C-alpha atoms as a PDB file:
ATOM      1  CA  UNK A   1      33.346 -50.209  73.817  1.00  0.00           C
ATOM      2  CA  UNK A   2      34.452 -50.458  70.186  1.00  0.00           C
ATOM      3  CA  UNK A   3      38.126 -49.594  69.788  1.00  0.00           C
ATOM      4  CA  UNK A   4      37.980 -49.263  66.017  1.00  0.00           C
ATOM      5  CA  UNK A   5      36.954 -50.798  62.716  1.00  0.00           C
ATOM      6  CA  UNK A   6      38.881 -53.586  61.002  1.00  0.00           C
ATOM      7  CA  UNK A   7      37.603 -52.869  57.471  1.00  0.00           C
ATOM      8  CA  UNK A   8      36.682 -49.902  55.275  1.00  0.00           C
ATOM      9  CA  UNK A   9      32.980 -50.842  55.218  1.00  0.00           C
ATOM     10  CA  UNK A  10      32.939 -50.581  59.037  1.00  0.00           C
ATOM     11  CA  UNK A  11      31.286 -53.977  59.388  1.00  0.00           C
ATOM     12  CA  UNK A  12      34.074 -55.602  61.434  1.00  0.00           C
ATOM     13  CA  UNK A  13      34.922 -54.110  64.821  1.00  0.00           C
ATOM     14  CA  UNK A  14      37.757 -54.334  67.329  1.00  0.00           C
ATOM     15  CA  UNK A  15      36.175 -54.792  70.784  1.00  0.00           C
ATOM     16  CA  UNK A  16      37.592 -53.544  74.050  1.00  0.00           C
ATOM     17  CA  UNK A  17      38.212 -56.890  75.828  1.00  0.00           C
ATOM     18  CA  UNK A  18      37.401 -55.526  79.291  1.00  0.00           C
ATOM     19  CA  UNK A  19      33.962 -54.051  78.450  1.00  0.00           C
ATOM     20  CA  UNK A  20      30.662 -55.293  77.069  1.00  0.00           C
ATOM     21  CA  UNK A  21      30.131 -53.958  73.547  1.00  0.00           C
ATOM     22  CA  UNK A  22      26.728 -52.611  72.516  1.00  0.00           C
ATOM     23  CA  UNK A  23      26.000 -52.687  68.802  1.00  0.00           C
ATOM     24  CA  UNK A  24      22.871 -50.629  67.989  1.00  0.00           C
ATOM     25  CA  UNK A  25      20.808 -50.657  64.800  1.00  0.00           C
ATOM     26  CA  UNK A  26      17.276 -50.075  63.463  1.00  0.00           C
ATOM     27  CA  UNK A  27      15.447 -52.099  60.809  1.00  0.00           C
ATOM     28  CA  UNK A  28      13.101 -49.731  58.963  1.00  0.00           C
ATOM     29  CA  UNK A  29      11.218 -52.252  56.820  1.00  0.00           C
ATOM     30  CA  UNK A  30       9.395 -54.582  56.751  1.00  0.00           C
ATOM     31  CA  UNK A  31       7.554 -54.038  60.023  1.00  0.00           C
ATOM     32  CA  UNK A  32       7.170 -57.796  60.492  1.00  0.00           C
ATOM     33  CA  UNK A  33      10.927 -58.467  60.242  1.00  0.00           C
ATOM     34  CA  UNK A  34      12.704 -60.419  62.938  1.00  0.00           C
ATOM     35  CA  UNK A  35      16.442 -60.791  63.365  1.00  0.00           C
ATOM     36  CA  UNK A  36      18.926 -63.097  65.048  1.00  0.00           C
ATOM     37  CA  UNK A  37      22.641 -62.518  65.606  1.00  0.00           C
ATOM     38  CA  UNK A  38      25.114 -65.348  65.211  1.00  0.00           C
ATOM     39  CA  UNK A  39      28.819 -65.645  65.917  1.00  0.00           C
ATOM     40  CA  UNK A  40      30.819 -67.227  63.089  1.00  0.00           C
ATOM     41  CA  UNK A  41      34.453 -68.019  62.427  1.00  0.00           C
ATOM     42  CA  UNK A  42      37.268 -69.895  64.065  1.00  0.00           C
ATOM     43  CA  UNK A  43      37.269 -67.822  67.256  1.00  0.00           C
ATOM     44  CA  UNK A  44      33.535 -67.848  68.137  1.00  0.00           C
ATOM     45  CA  UNK A  45      34.242 -69.316  71.574  1.00  0.00           C
ATOM     46  CA  UNK A  46      36.234 -66.198  72.445  1.00  0.00           C
ATOM     47  CA  UNK A  47      32.986 -64.157  72.592  1.00  0.00           C
ATOM     48  CA  UNK A  48      29.578 -64.519  74.172  1.00  0.00           C
ATOM     49  CA  UNK A  49      26.271 -62.707  73.926  1.00  0.00           C
ATOM     50  CA  UNK A  50      24.955 -60.747  76.902  1.00  0.00           C
ATOM     51  CA  UNK A  51      21.148 -60.697  77.124  1.00  0.00           C
ATOM     52  CA  UNK A  52      18.959 -61.509  74.109  1.00  0.00           C
ATOM     53  CA  UNK A  53      20.447 -61.665  70.615  1.00  0.00           C
ATOM     54  CA  UNK A  54      17.255 -61.747  68.571  1.00  0.00           C
ATOM     55  CA  UNK A  55      14.091 -59.701  68.346  1.00  0.00           C
ATOM     56  CA  UNK A  56      11.326 -58.011  66.413  1.00  0.00           C
ATOM     57  CA  UNK A  57      12.063 -54.992  64.227  1.00  0.00           C
ATOM     58  CA  UNK A  58       9.058 -53.007  65.481  1.00  0.00           C
ATOM     59  CA  UNK A  59       7.130 -52.356  68.663  1.00  0.00           C
ATOM     60  CA  UNK A  60       3.510 -53.457  69.227  1.00  0.00           C
ATOM     61  CA  UNK A  61       2.214 -50.451  67.252  1.00  0.00           C
ATOM     62  CA  UNK A  62       4.386 -51.278  64.207  1.00  0.00           C
ATOM     63  CA  UNK A  63       6.928 -48.496  64.735  1.00  0.00           C
ATOM     64  CA  UNK A  64      10.606 -49.321  64.061  1.00  0.00           C
ATOM     65  CA  UNK A  65      12.571 -49.611  67.283  1.00  0.00           C
ATOM     66  CA  UNK A  66      16.249 -49.508  68.083  1.00  0.00           C
ATOM     67  CA  UNK A  67      17.797 -52.945  68.479  1.00  0.00           C
ATOM     68  CA  UNK A  68      20.791 -53.714  70.680  1.00  0.00           C
ATOM     69  CA  UNK A  69      23.222 -56.594  70.512  1.00  0.00           C
ATOM     70  CA  UNK A  70      25.483 -56.911  73.550  1.00  0.00           C
ATOM     71  CA  UNK A  71      28.594 -59.030  73.284  1.00  0.00           C
ATOM     72  CA  UNK A  72      31.653 -59.509  75.470  1.00  0.00           C
ATOM     73  CA  UNK A  73      35.018 -61.211  75.326  1.00  0.00           C
ATOM     74  CA  UNK A  74      34.693 -64.552  77.139  1.00  0.00           C
ATOM     75  CA  UNK A  75      38.107 -64.398  78.835  1.00  0.00           C
ATOM     76  CA  UNK A  76      39.326 -60.780  78.765  1.00  0.00           C
ATOM     77  CA  UNK A  77      42.506 -61.480  80.711  1.00  0.00           C
ATOM     78  CA  UNK A  78      43.953 -63.767  78.001  1.00  0.00           C
END
């Protein structure tokens, strides 16, 4: 769903406008960490989150778990 990276650090991505993108990551420490994704910039209305965009870093037993952010282009035909 990611067509490529827009920077050398691979922190900015080019999304396929016709598919939902899944960005996966794991937070190793601290076990009590929580996260929240936020869209920023002039074109934030061009994208929207699919499903939850926040969560806990670990499962109930304190083990790190994979996190998923799903995002899509709001109007892919434009």
